[in-house]
Amino acid sequence: MPNWIEKHSDTLITIATIIVAFAALVTIVDQRLDAQDELISQRFDAQDRHINQRFDAVDQRFDAMDKRIDRLTEEVSELRRLTVSISERVSRNEGQIDVIREQIQAADTPSP
């Protein structure tokens, strides 16, 4: 057996060197892939943050618009209430004016 090892030592050293070189190559490629994966992850995270910021800004705008619409709705309701109140007062005033006219006509009419 020792004779066989001596006889094939160059071949065994070559095979061992190839195995070590292959392992080193796999390690280097794995490290490069990990670095690229990390870079891609960082880019996706940055893009996610940017998109989230944009959506947050849009949400804030919608919230502001909702508040403004709510306020305007309340103001329109108040205007409607005031308009109805004014219409009721005008109707009452017209009724009172009609009564006063009737009283004036009655006073102007000579009694028989």
PDB file of N, CA and C in Angstrom:
ATOM      1  N   MET A   1       0.813  -1.191   0.000  1.00  0.00           N
ATOM      2  CA  MET A   1       0.000   0.000   0.000  1.00  0.00           C
ATOM      3  C   MET A   1       0.860   1.260   0.000  1.00  0.00           C
ATOM      4  N   PRO A   2       1.932   1.345   0.835  1.00  0.00           N
ATOM      5  CA  PRO A   2       2.763   2.541   0.782  1.00  0.00           C
ATOM      6  C   PRO A   2       3.359   2.740  -0.610  1.00  0.00           C
ATOM      7  N   ASN A   3       3.601   1.676  -1.294  1.00  0.00           N
ATOM      8  CA  ASN A   3       4.170   1.751  -2.627  1.00  0.00           C
ATOM      9  C   ASN A   3       3.140   2.354  -3.601  1.00  0.00           C
ATOM     10  N   TRP A   4       1.907   2.018  -3.408  1.00  0.00           N
ATOM     11  CA  TRP A   4       0.834   2.540  -4.278  1.00  0.00           C
ATOM     12  C   TRP A   4       0.694   4.054  -4.070  1.00  0.00           C
ATOM     13  N   ILE A   5       0.792   4.501  -2.802  1.00  0.00           N
ATOM     14  CA  ILE A   5       0.682   5.924  -2.502  1.00  0.00           C
ATOM     15  C   ILE A   5       1.846   6.682  -3.135  1.00  0.00           C
ATOM     16  N   GLU A   6       3.037   6.125  -3.017  1.00  0.00           N
ATOM     17  CA  GLU A   6       4.194   6.792  -3.623  1.00  0.00           C
ATOM     18  C   GLU A   6       4.057   6.864  -5.137  1.00  0.00           C
ATOM     19  N   LYS A   7       3.519   5.800  -5.702  1.00  0.00           N
ATOM     20  CA  LYS A   7       3.390   5.718  -7.144  1.00  0.00           C
ATOM     21  C   LYS A   7       2.356   6.741  -7.664  1.00  0.00           C
ATOM     22  N   HIS A   8       1.286   6.954  -6.915  1.00  0.00           N
ATOM     23  CA  HIS A   8       0.204   7.832  -7.376  1.00  0.00           C
ATOM     24  C   HIS A   8       0.150   9.157  -6.603  1.00  0.00           C
ATOM     25  N   SER A   9       1.202   9.520  -5.933  1.00  0.00           N
ATOM     26  CA  SER A   9       1.196  10.730  -5.113  1.00  0.00           C
ATOM     27  C   SER A   9       0.954  11.987  -5.944  1.00  0.00           C
ATOM     28  N   ASP A  10       1.550  12.063  -7.108  1.00  0.00           N
ATOM     29  CA  ASP A  10       1.316  13.243  -7.959  1.00  0.00           C
ATOM     30  C   ASP A  10      -0.162  13.358  -8.340  1.00  0.00           C
ATOM     31  N   THR A  11      -0.758  12.217  -8.664  1.00  0.00           N
ATOM     32  CA  THR A  11      -2.175  12.208  -9.035  1.00  0.00           C
ATOM     33  C   THR A  11      -3.034  12.588  -7.836  1.00  0.00           C
ATOM     34  N   LEU A  12      -2.707  12.037  -6.655  1.00  0.00           N
ATOM     35  CA  LEU A  12      -3.473  12.352  -5.457  1.00  0.00           C
ATOM     36  C   LEU A  12      -3.342  13.826  -5.086  1.00  0.00           C
ATOM     37  N   ILE A  13      -2.144  14.382  -5.233  1.00  0.00           N
ATOM     38  CA  ILE A  13      -1.926  15.792  -4.941  1.00  0.00           C
ATOM     39  C   ILE A  13      -2.725  16.648  -5.928  1.00  0.00           C
ATOM     40  N   THR A  14      -2.739  16.260  -7.183  1.00  0.00           N
ATOM     41  CA  THR A  14      -3.503  16.995  -8.195  1.00  0.00           C
ATOM     42  C   THR A  14      -4.992  16.961  -7.877  1.00  0.00           C
ATOM     43  N   ILE A  15      -5.497  15.768  -7.514  1.00  0.00           N
ATOM     44  CA  ILE A  15      -6.913  15.624  -7.170  1.00  0.00           C
ATOM     45  C   ILE A  15      -7.239  16.465  -5.931  1.00  0.00           C
ATOM     46  N   ALA A  16      -6.365  16.405  -4.919  1.00  0.00           N
ATOM     47  CA  ALA A  16      -6.581  17.182  -3.695  1.00  0.00           C
ATOM     48  C   ALA A  16      -6.562  18.670  -4.010  1.00  0.00           C
ATOM     49  N   THR A  17      -5.663  19.101  -4.869  1.00  0.00           N
ATOM     50  CA  THR A  17      -5.569  20.511  -5.255  1.00  0.00           C
ATOM     51  C   THR A  17      -6.839  20.944  -5.986  1.00  0.00           C
ATOM     52  N   ILE A  18      -7.322  20.092  -6.872  1.00  0.00           N
ATOM     53  CA  ILE A  18      -8.553  20.399  -7.600  1.00  0.00           C
ATOM     54  C   ILE A  18      -9.724  20.514  -6.628  1.00  0.00           C
ATOM     55  N   ILE A  19      -9.800  19.592  -5.664  1.00  0.00           N
ATOM     56  CA  ILE A  19     -10.879  19.628  -4.680  1.00  0.00           C
ATOM     57  C   ILE A  19     -10.804  20.905  -3.841  1.00  0.00           C
ATOM     58  N   VAL A  20      -9.625  21.276  -3.376  1.00  0.00           N
ATOM     59  CA  VAL A  20      -9.436  22.490  -2.578  1.00  0.00           C
ATOM     60  C   VAL A  20      -9.763  23.729  -3.418  1.00  0.00           C
ATOM     61  N   ALA A  21      -9.309  23.728  -4.675  1.00  0.00           N
ATOM     62  CA  ALA A  21      -9.587  24.872  -5.553  1.00  0.00           C
ATOM     63  C   ALA A  21     -11.086  24.982  -5.816  1.00  0.00           C
ATOM     64  N   PHE A  22     -11.746  23.836  -6.014  1.00  0.00           N
ATOM     65  CA  PHE A  22     -13.186  23.844  -6.238  1.00  0.00           C
ATOM     66  C   PHE A  22     -13.909  24.371  -4.997  1.00  0.00           C
ATOM     67  N   ALA A  23     -13.482  23.922  -3.818  1.00  0.00           N
ATOM     68  CA  ALA A  23     -14.091  24.391  -2.567  1.00  0.00           C
ATOM     69  C   ALA A  23     -13.873  25.898  -2.404  1.00  0.00           C
ATOM     70  N   ALA A  24     -12.687  26.392  -2.727  1.00  0.00           N
ATOM     71  CA  ALA A  24     -12.402  27.824  -2.642  1.00  0.00           C
ATOM     72  C   ALA A  24     -13.266  28.595  -3.638  1.00  0.00           C
ATOM     73  N   LEU A  25     -13.397  28.056  -4.850  1.00  0.00           N
ATOM     74  CA  LEU A  25     -14.223  28.700  -5.861  1.00  0.00           C
ATOM     75  C   LEU A  25     -15.689  28.759  -5.424  1.00  0.00           C
ATOM     76  N   VAL A  26     -16.182  27.658  -4.863  1.00  0.00           N
ATOM     77  CA  VAL A  26     -17.559  27.630  -4.366  1.00  0.00           C
ATOM     78  C   VAL A  26     -17.736  28.660  -3.255  1.00  0.00           C
ATOM     79  N   THR A  27     -16.757  28.764  -2.367  1.00  0.00           N
ATOM     80  CA  THR A  27     -16.827  29.735  -1.274  1.00  0.00           C
ATOM     81  C   THR A  27     -16.837  31.162  -1.817  1.00  0.00           C
ATOM     82  N   ILE A  28     -15.976  31.452  -2.784  1.00  0.00           N
ATOM     83  CA  ILE A  28     -15.907  32.796  -3.363  1.00  0.00           C
ATOM     84  C   ILE A  28     -17.213  33.135  -4.080  1.00  0.00           C
ATOM     85  N   VAL A  29     -17.726  32.192  -4.877  1.00  0.00           N
ATOM     86  CA  VAL A  29     -18.984  32.429  -5.589  1.00  0.00           C
ATOM     87  C   VAL A  29     -20.113  32.617  -4.589  1.00  0.00           C
ATOM     88  N   ASP A  30     -20.124  31.819  -3.518  1.00  0.00           N
ATOM     89  CA  ASP A  30     -21.169  31.948  -2.501  1.00  0.00           C
ATOM     90  C   ASP A  30     -21.104  33.315  -1.828  1.00  0.00           C
ATOM     91  N   GLN A  31     -19.904  33.781  -1.528  1.00  0.00           N
ATOM     92  CA  GLN A  31     -19.753  35.110  -0.917  1.00  0.00           C
ATOM     93  C   GLN A  31     -20.226  36.207  -1.867  1.00  0.00           C
ATOM     94  N   ARG A  32     -19.891  36.073  -3.154  1.00  0.00           N
ATOM     95  CA  ARG A  32     -20.337  37.082  -4.132  1.00  0.00           C
ATOM     96  C   ARG A  32     -21.851  37.070  -4.262  1.00  0.00           C
ATOM     97  N   LEU A  33     -22.442  35.861  -4.271  1.00  0.00           N
ATOM     98  CA  LEU A  33     -23.899  35.773  -4.354  1.00  0.00           C
ATOM     99  C   LEU A  33     -24.542  36.359  -3.106  1.00  0.00           C
ATOM    100  N   ASP A  34     -23.951  36.102  -1.942  1.00  0.00           N
ATOM    101  CA  ASP A  34     -24.478  36.690  -0.706  1.00  0.00           C
ATOM    102  C   ASP A  34     -24.393  38.219  -0.753  1.00  0.00           C
ATOM    103  N   ALA A  35     -23.272  38.746  -1.271  1.00  0.00           N
ATOM    104  CA  ALA A  35     -23.109  40.202  -1.376  1.00  0.00           C
ATOM    105  C   ALA A  35     -24.138  40.786  -2.347  1.00  0.00           C
ATOM    106  N   GLN A  36     -24.341  40.110  -3.473  1.00  0.00           N
ATOM    107  CA  GLN A  36     -25.334  40.591  -4.436  1.00  0.00           C
ATOM    108  C   GLN A  36     -26.737  40.506  -3.839  1.00  0.00           C
ATOM    109  N   ASP A  37     -27.013  39.416  -3.119  1.00  0.00           N
ATOM    110  CA  ASP A  37     -28.317  39.267  -2.474  1.00  0.00           C
ATOM    111  C   ASP A  37     -28.539  40.381  -1.448  1.00  0.00           C
ATOM    112  N   GLU A  38     -27.506  40.709  -0.693  1.00  0.00           N
ATOM    113  CA  GLU A  38     -27.597  41.790   0.293  1.00  0.00           C
ATOM    114  C   GLU A  38     -27.845  43.128  -0.404  1.00  0.00           C
ATOM    115  N   LEU A  39     -27.146  43.365  -1.494  1.00  0.00           N
ATOM    116  CA  LEU A  39     -27.330  44.611  -2.245  1.00  0.00           C
ATOM    117  C   LEU A  39     -28.749  44.700  -2.806  1.00  0.00           C
ATOM    118  N   ILE A  40     -29.229  43.613  -3.370  1.00  0.00           N
ATOM    119  CA  ILE A  40     -30.587  43.596  -3.907  1.00  0.00           C
ATOM    120  C   ILE A  40     -31.593  43.822  -2.790  1.00  0.00           C
ATOM    121  N   SER A  41     -31.371  43.181  -1.642  1.00  0.00           N
ATOM    122  CA  SER A  41     -32.273  43.373  -0.506  1.00  0.00           C
ATOM    123  C   SER A  41     -32.283  44.830  -0.051  1.00  0.00           C
ATOM    124  N   GLN A  42     -31.112  45.449  -0.006  1.00  0.00           N
ATOM    125  CA  GLN A  42     -31.034  46.853   0.380  1.00  0.00           C
ATOM    126  C   GLN A  42     -31.790  47.743  -0.604  1.00  0.00           C
ATOM    127  N   ARG A  43     -31.646  47.430  -1.889  1.00  0.00           N
ATOM    128  CA  ARG A  43     -32.350  48.226  -2.904  1.00  0.00           C
ATOM    129  C   ARG A  43     -33.859  48.052  -2.774  1.00  0.00           C
ATOM    130  N   PHE A  44     -34.307  46.807  -2.575  1.00  0.00           N
ATOM    131  CA  PHE A  44     -35.741  46.575  -2.401  1.00  0.00           C
ATOM    132  C   PHE A  44     -36.258  47.256  -1.139  1.00  0.00           C
ATOM    133  N   ASP A  45     -35.478  47.195  -0.060  1.00  0.00           N
ATOM    134  CA  ASP A  45     -35.895  47.869   1.179  1.00  0.00           C
ATOM    135  C   ASP A  45     -36.002  49.378   0.966  1.00  0.00           C
ATOM    136  N   ALA A  46     -35.035  49.946   0.262  1.00  0.00           N
ATOM    137  CA  ALA A  46     -35.070  51.388  -0.013  1.00  0.00           C
ATOM    138  C   ALA A  46     -36.283  51.727  -0.879  1.00  0.00           C
ATOM    139  N   GLN A  47     -36.541  50.884  -1.872  1.00  0.00           N
ATOM    140  CA  GLN A  47     -37.705  51.115  -2.733  1.00  0.00           C
ATOM    141  C   GLN A  47     -39.000  50.991  -1.933  1.00  0.00           C
ATOM    142  N   ASP A  48     -39.068  50.005  -1.045  1.00  0.00           N
ATOM    143  CA  ASP A  48     -40.255  49.838  -0.189  1.00  0.00           C
ATOM    144  C   ASP A  48     -40.462  51.065   0.688  1.00  0.00           C
ATOM    145  N   ARG A  49     -39.377  51.562   1.283  1.00  0.00           N
ATOM    146  CA  ARG A  49     -39.486  52.759   2.117  1.00  0.00           C
ATOM    147  C   ARG A  49     -39.983  53.945   1.293  1.00  0.00           C
ATOM    148  N   HIS A  50     -39.439  54.096   0.099  1.00  0.00           N
ATOM    149  CA  HIS A  50     -39.853  55.201  -0.772  1.00  0.00           C
ATOM    150  C   HIS A  50     -41.328  55.073  -1.136  1.00  0.00           C
ATOM    151  N   ILE A  51     -41.750  53.890  -1.508  1.00  0.00           N
ATOM    152  CA  ILE A  51     -43.156  53.675  -1.869  1.00  0.00           C
ATOM    153  C   ILE A  51     -44.051  53.922  -0.661  1.00  0.00           C
ATOM    154  N   ASN A  52     -43.639  53.424   0.508  1.00  0.00           N
ATOM    155  CA  ASN A  52     -44.438  53.651   1.720  1.00  0.00           C
ATOM    156  C   ASN A  52     -44.552  55.134   2.045  1.00  0.00           C
ATOM    157  N   GLN A  53     -43.466  55.876   1.855  1.00  0.00           N
ATOM    158  CA  GLN A  53     -43.518  57.317   2.099  1.00  0.00           C
ATOM    159  C   GLN A  53     -44.497  57.993   1.145  1.00  0.00           C
ATOM    160  N   ARG A  54     -44.477  57.568  -0.116  1.00  0.00           N
ATOM    161  CA  ARG A  54     -45.409  58.142  -1.093  1.00  0.00           C
ATOM    162  C   ARG A  54     -46.852  57.829  -0.721  1.00  0.00           C
ATOM    163  N   PHE A  55     -47.106  56.557  -0.336  1.00  0.00           N
ATOM    164  CA  PHE A  55     -48.465  56.185   0.063  1.00  0.00           C
ATOM    165  C   PHE A  55     -48.893  56.937   1.322  1.00  0.00           C
ATOM    166  N   ASP A  56     -47.971  57.113   2.261  1.00  0.00           N
ATOM    167  CA  ASP A  56     -48.294  57.876   3.473  1.00  0.00           C
ATOM    168  C   ASP A  56     -48.655  59.319   3.122  1.00  0.00           C
ATOM    169  N   ALA A  57     -47.897  59.901   2.194  1.00  0.00           N
ATOM    170  CA  ALA A  57     -48.189  61.273   1.777  1.00  0.00           C
ATOM    171  C   ALA A  57     -49.566  61.357   1.126  1.00  0.00           C
ATOM    172  N   VAL A  58     -49.884  60.384   0.290  1.00  0.00           N
ATOM    173  CA  VAL A  58     -51.205  60.369  -0.353  1.00  0.00           C
ATOM    174  C   VAL A  58     -52.298  60.180   0.696  1.00  0.00           C
ATOM    175  N   ASP A  59     -52.056  59.276   1.656  1.00  0.00           N
ATOM    176  CA  ASP A  59     -53.037  59.068   2.734  1.00  0.00           C
ATOM    177  C   ASP A  59     -53.263  60.353   3.521  1.00  0.00           C
ATOM    178  N   GLN A  60     -52.197  61.087   3.800  1.00  0.00           N
ATOM    179  CA  GLN A  60     -52.341  62.345   4.530  1.00  0.00           C
ATOM    180  C   GLN A  60     -53.165  63.355   3.729  1.00  0.00           C
ATOM    181  N   ARG A  61     -52.932  63.367   2.413  1.00  0.00           N
ATOM    182  CA  ARG A  61     -53.720  64.271   1.570  1.00  0.00           C
ATOM    183  C   ARG A  61     -55.191  63.889   1.594  1.00  0.00           C
ATOM    184  N   PHE A  62     -55.468  62.585   1.498  1.00  0.00           N
ATOM    185  CA  PHE A  62     -56.862  62.134   1.545  1.00  0.00           C
ATOM    186  C   PHE A  62     -57.490  62.451   2.896  1.00  0.00           C
ATOM    187  N   ASP A  63     -56.729  62.265   3.973  1.00  0.00           N
ATOM    188  CA  ASP A  63     -57.259  62.602   5.295  1.00  0.00           C
ATOM    189  C   ASP A  63     -57.591  64.087   5.390  1.00  0.00           C
ATOM    190  N   ALA A  64     -56.702  64.922   4.878  1.00  0.00           N
ATOM    191  CA  ALA A  64     -56.941  66.368   4.898  1.00  0.00           C
ATOM    192  C   ALA A  64     -58.175  66.712   4.065  1.00  0.00           C
ATOM    193  N   MET A  65     -58.296  66.067   2.916  1.00  0.00           N
ATOM    194  CA  MET A  65     -59.468  66.326   2.066  1.00  0.00           C
ATOM    195  C   MET A  65     -60.745  65.836   2.754  1.00  0.00           C
ATOM    196  N   ASP A  66     -60.684  64.688   3.418  1.00  0.00           N
ATOM    197  CA  ASP A  66     -61.856  64.190   4.146  1.00  0.00           C
ATOM    198  C   ASP A  66     -62.287  65.177   5.225  1.00  0.00           C
ATOM    199  N   LYS A  67     -61.314  65.712   5.968  1.00  0.00           N
ATOM    200  CA  LYS A  67     -61.639  66.683   7.007  1.00  0.00           C
ATOM    201  C   LYS A  67     -62.263  67.942   6.401  1.00  0.00           C
ATOM    202  N   ARG A  68     -61.697  68.383   5.280  1.00  0.00           N
ATOM    203  CA  ARG A  68     -62.234  69.579   4.629  1.00  0.00           C
ATOM    204  C   ARG A  68     -63.650  69.318   4.116  1.00  0.00           C
ATOM    205  N   ILE A  69     -63.869  68.169   3.520  1.00  0.00           N
ATOM    206  CA  ILE A  69     -65.211  67.823   3.024  1.00  0.00           C
ATOM    207  C   ILE A  69     -66.197  67.743   4.179  1.00  0.00           C
ATOM    208  N   ASP A  70     -65.763  67.140   5.293  1.00  0.00           N
ATOM    209  CA  ASP A  70     -66.645  67.073   6.466  1.00  0.00           C
ATOM    210  C   ASP A  70     -67.016  68.475   6.953  1.00  0.00           C
ATOM    211  N   ARG A  71     -66.026  69.359   7.004  1.00  0.00           N
ATOM    212  CA  ARG A  71     -66.295  70.729   7.449  1.00  0.00           C
ATOM    213  C   ARG A  71     -67.243  71.442   6.488  1.00  0.00           C
ATOM    214  N   LEU A  72     -67.000  71.267   5.190  1.00  0.00           N
ATOM    215  CA  LEU A  72     -67.876  71.896   4.204  1.00  0.00           C
ATOM    216  C   LEU A  72     -69.287  71.328   4.275  1.00  0.00           C
ATOM    217  N   THR A  73     -69.408  70.041   4.533  1.00  0.00           N
ATOM    218  CA  THR A  73     -70.724  69.417   4.675  1.00  0.00           C
ATOM    219  C   THR A  73     -71.471  70.018   5.861  1.00  0.00           C
ATOM    220  N   GLU A  74     -70.750  70.209   6.967  1.00  0.00           N
ATOM    221  CA  GLU A  74     -71.366  70.835   8.134  1.00  0.00           C
ATOM    222  C   GLU A  74     -71.800  72.264   7.824  1.00  0.00           C
ATOM    223  N   GLU A  75     -70.960  73.005   7.101  1.00  0.00           N
ATOM    224  CA  GLU A  75     -71.303  74.384   6.760  1.00  0.00           C
ATOM    225  C   GLU A  75     -72.510  74.439   5.824  1.00  0.00           C
ATOM    226  N   VAL A  76     -72.581  73.514   4.866  1.00  0.00           N
ATOM    227  CA  VAL A  76     -73.731  73.472   3.957  1.00  0.00           C
ATOM    228  C   VAL A  76     -74.999  73.140   4.736  1.00  0.00           C
ATOM    229  N   SER A  77     -74.888  72.219   5.682  1.00  0.00           N
ATOM    230  CA  SER A  77     -76.047  71.882   6.512  1.00  0.00           C
ATOM    231  C   SER A  77     -76.512  73.102   7.302  1.00  0.00           C
ATOM    232  N   GLU A  78     -75.561  73.846   7.840  1.00  0.00           N
ATOM    233  CA  GLU A  78     -75.899  75.060   8.585  1.00  0.00           C
ATOM    234  C   GLU A  78     -76.557  76.087   7.666  1.00  0.00           C
ATOM    235  N   LEU A  79     -76.045  76.226   6.448  1.00  0.00           N
ATOM    236  CA  LEU A  79     -76.665  77.157   5.497  1.00  0.00           C
ATOM    237  C   LEU A  79     -78.082  76.729   5.144  1.00  0.00           C
ATOM    238  N   ARG A  80     -78.293  75.435   4.980  1.00  0.00           N
ATOM    239  CA  ARG A  80     -79.651  74.952   4.697  1.00  0.00           C
ATOM    240  C   ARG A  80     -80.594  75.274   5.855  1.00  0.00           C
ATOM    241  N   ARG A  81     -80.113  75.027   7.071  1.00  0.00           N
ATOM    242  CA  ARG A  81     -80.937  75.317   8.249  1.00  0.00           C
ATOM    243  C   ARG A  81     -81.279  76.802   8.309  1.00  0.00           C
ATOM    244  N   LEU A  82     -80.290  77.658   8.052  1.00  0.00           N
ATOM    245  CA  LEU A  82     -80.533  79.106   8.062  1.00  0.00           C
ATOM    246  C   LEU A  82     -81.502  79.517   6.946  1.00  0.00           C
ATOM    247  N   THR A  83     -81.352  78.923   5.771  1.00  0.00           N
ATOM    248  CA  THR A  83     -82.241  79.232   4.651  1.00  0.00           C
ATOM    249  C   THR A  83     -83.678  78.849   4.974  1.00  0.00           C
ATOM    250  N   VAL A  84     -83.863  77.671   5.573  1.00  0.00           N
ATOM    251  CA  VAL A  84     -85.206  77.240   5.962  1.00  0.00           C
ATOM    252  C   VAL A  84     -85.765  78.185   7.018  1.00  0.00           C
ATOM    253  N   SER A  85     -84.935  78.578   7.952  1.00  0.00           N
ATOM    254  CA  SER A  85     -85.369  79.502   9.002  1.00  0.00           C
ATOM    255  C   SER A  85     -85.793  80.846   8.401  1.00  0.00           C
ATOM    256  N   ILE A  86     -85.008  81.336   7.457  1.00  0.00           N
ATOM    257  CA  ILE A  86     -85.339  82.609   6.808  1.00  0.00           C
ATOM    258  C   ILE A  86     -86.644  82.473   6.028  1.00  0.00           C
ATOM    259  N   SER A  87     -86.811  81.377   5.315  1.00  0.00           N
ATOM    260  CA  SER A  87     -88.049  81.158   4.546  1.00  0.00           C
ATOM    261  C   SER A  87     -89.260  81.124   5.462  1.00  0.00           C
ATOM    262  N   GLU A  88     -89.117  80.481   6.616  1.00  0.00           N
ATOM    263  CA  GLU A  88     -90.223  80.425   7.572  1.00  0.00           C
ATOM    264  C   GLU A  88     -90.555  81.821   8.098  1.00  0.00           C
ATOM    265  N   ARG A  89     -89.525  82.605   8.390  1.00  0.00           N
ATOM    266  CA  ARG A  89     -89.749  83.964   8.899  1.00  0.00           C
ATOM    267  C   ARG A  89     -90.407  84.840   7.836  1.00  0.00           C
ATOM    268  N   VAL A  90     -89.950  84.693   6.587  1.00  0.00           N
ATOM    269  CA  VAL A  90     -90.548  85.475   5.501  1.00  0.00           C
ATOM    270  C   VAL A  90     -92.022  85.095   5.365  1.00  0.00           C
ATOM    271  N   SER A  91     -92.331  83.801   5.440  1.00  0.00           N
ATOM    272  CA  SER A  91     -93.739  83.367   5.340  1.00  0.00           C
ATOM    273  C   SER A  91     -94.560  83.952   6.481  1.00  0.00           C
ATOM    274  N   ARG A  92     -94.040  83.929   7.694  1.00  0.00           N
ATOM    275  CA  ARG A  92     -94.758  84.520   8.829  1.00  0.00           C
ATOM    276  C   ARG A  92     -94.955  86.015   8.624  1.00  0.00           C
ATOM    277  N   ASN A  93     -93.899  86.697   8.169  1.00  0.00           N
ATOM    278  CA  ASN A  93     -93.993  88.141   7.929  1.00  0.00           C
ATOM    279  C   ASN A  93     -95.027  88.447   6.848  1.00  0.00           C
ATOM    280  N   GLU A  94     -95.037  87.644   5.800  1.00  0.00           N
ATOM    281  CA  GLU A  94     -96.037  87.860   4.746  1.00  0.00           C
ATOM    282  C   GLU A  94     -97.451  87.670   5.294  1.00  0.00           C
ATOM    283  N   GLY A  95     -97.617  86.666   6.142  1.00  0.00           N
ATOM    284  CA  GLY A  95     -98.929  86.442   6.767  1.00  0.00           C
ATOM    285  C   GLY A  95     -99.326  87.631   7.629  1.00  0.00           C
ATOM    286  N   GLN A  96     -98.380  88.156   8.397  1.00  0.00           N
ATOM    287  CA  GLN A  96     -98.672  89.313   9.239  1.00  0.00           C
ATOM    288  C   GLN A  96     -98.985  90.539   8.386  1.00  0.00           C
ATOM    289  N   ILE A  97     -98.265  90.702   7.270  1.00  0.00           N
ATOM    290  CA  ILE A  97     -98.531  91.825   6.368  1.00  0.00           C
ATOM    291  C   ILE A  97     -99.942  91.703   5.795  1.00  0.00           C
ATOM    292  N   ASP A  98    -100.345  90.491   5.428  1.00  0.00           N
ATOM    293  CA  ASP A  98    -101.706  90.285   4.899  1.00  0.00           C
ATOM    294  C   ASP A  98    -102.755  90.659   5.946  1.00  0.00           C
ATOM    295  N   VAL A  99    -102.508  90.279   7.189  1.00  0.00           N
ATOM    296  CA  VAL A  99    -103.449  90.613   8.270  1.00  0.00           C
ATOM    297  C   VAL A  99    -103.511  92.126   8.437  1.00  0.00           C
ATOM    298  N   ILE A 100    -102.357  92.792   8.428  1.00  0.00           N
ATOM    299  CA  ILE A 100    -102.323  94.259   8.588  1.00  0.00           C
ATOM    300  C   ILE A 100    -103.050  94.918   7.426  1.00  0.00           C
ATOM    301  N   ARG A 101    -102.875  94.435   6.193  1.00  0.00           N
ATOM    302  CA  ARG A 101    -103.581  95.003   5.028  1.00  0.00           C
ATOM    303  C   ARG A 101    -105.092  94.872   5.201  1.00  0.00           C
ATOM    304  N   GLU A 102    -105.495  93.683   5.645  1.00  0.00           N
ATOM    305  CA  GLU A 102    -106.929  93.473   5.848  1.00  0.00           C
ATOM    306  C   GLU A 102    -107.468  94.452   6.902  1.00  0.00           C
ATOM    307  N   GLN A 103    -106.671  94.655   7.973  1.00  0.00           N
ATOM    308  CA  GLN A 103    -107.112  95.578   9.012  1.00  0.00           C
ATOM    309  C   GLN A 103    -107.177  97.014   8.473  1.00  0.00           C
ATOM    310  N   ILE A 104    -106.192  97.396   7.637  1.00  0.00           N
ATOM    311  CA  ILE A 104    -106.186  98.739   7.075  1.00  0.00           C
ATOM    312  C   ILE A 104    -107.374  98.921   6.134  1.00  0.00           C
ATOM    313  N   GLN A 105    -107.647  97.893   5.309  1.00  0.00           N
ATOM    314  CA  GLN A 105    -108.784  97.997   4.394  1.00  0.00           C
ATOM    315  C   GLN A 105    -110.090  98.090   5.174  1.00  0.00           C
ATOM    316  N   ALA A 106    -110.164  97.354   6.239  1.00  0.00           N
ATOM    317  CA  ALA A 106    -111.381  97.392   7.057  1.00  0.00           C
ATOM    318  C   ALA A 106    -111.532  98.771   7.686  1.00  0.00           C
ATOM    319  N   ALA A 107    -110.408  99.363   8.098  1.00  0.00           N
ATOM    320  CA  ALA A 107    -110.477 100.689   8.730  1.00  0.00           C
ATOM    321  C   ALA A 107    -110.815 101.757   7.704  1.00  0.00           C
ATOM    322  N   ASP A 108    -110.361 101.595   6.462  1.00  0.00           N
ATOM    323  CA  ASP A 108    -110.622 102.579   5.424  1.00  0.00           C
ATOM    324  C   ASP A 108    -112.040 102.472   4.850  1.00  0.00           C
ATOM    325  N   THR A 109    -112.631 101.361   5.000  1.00  0.00           N
ATOM    326  CA  THR A 109    -113.970 101.164   4.457  1.00  0.00           C
ATOM    327  C   THR A 109    -114.987 101.868   5.361  1.00  0.00           C
ATOM    328  N   PRO A 110    -115.888 102.679   4.733  1.00  0.00           N
ATOM    329  CA  PRO A 110    -116.862 103.379   5.553  1.00  0.00           C
ATOM    330  C   PRO A 110    -117.888 102.382   6.126  1.00  0.00           C
ATOM    331  N   SER A 111    -118.255 102.607   7.327  1.00  0.00           N
ATOM    332  CA  SER A 111    -119.220 101.702   7.928  1.00  0.00           C
ATOM    333  C   SER A 111    -120.624 102.035   7.431  1.00  0.00           C
ATOM    334  N   PRO A 112    -121.468 101.056   7.286  1.00  0.00           N
ATOM    335  CA  PRO A 112    -122.807 101.337   6.763  1.00  0.00           C
ATOM    336  C   PRO A 112    -123.751 101.907   7.755  1.00  0.00           C
TER     337      PRO A 112
END
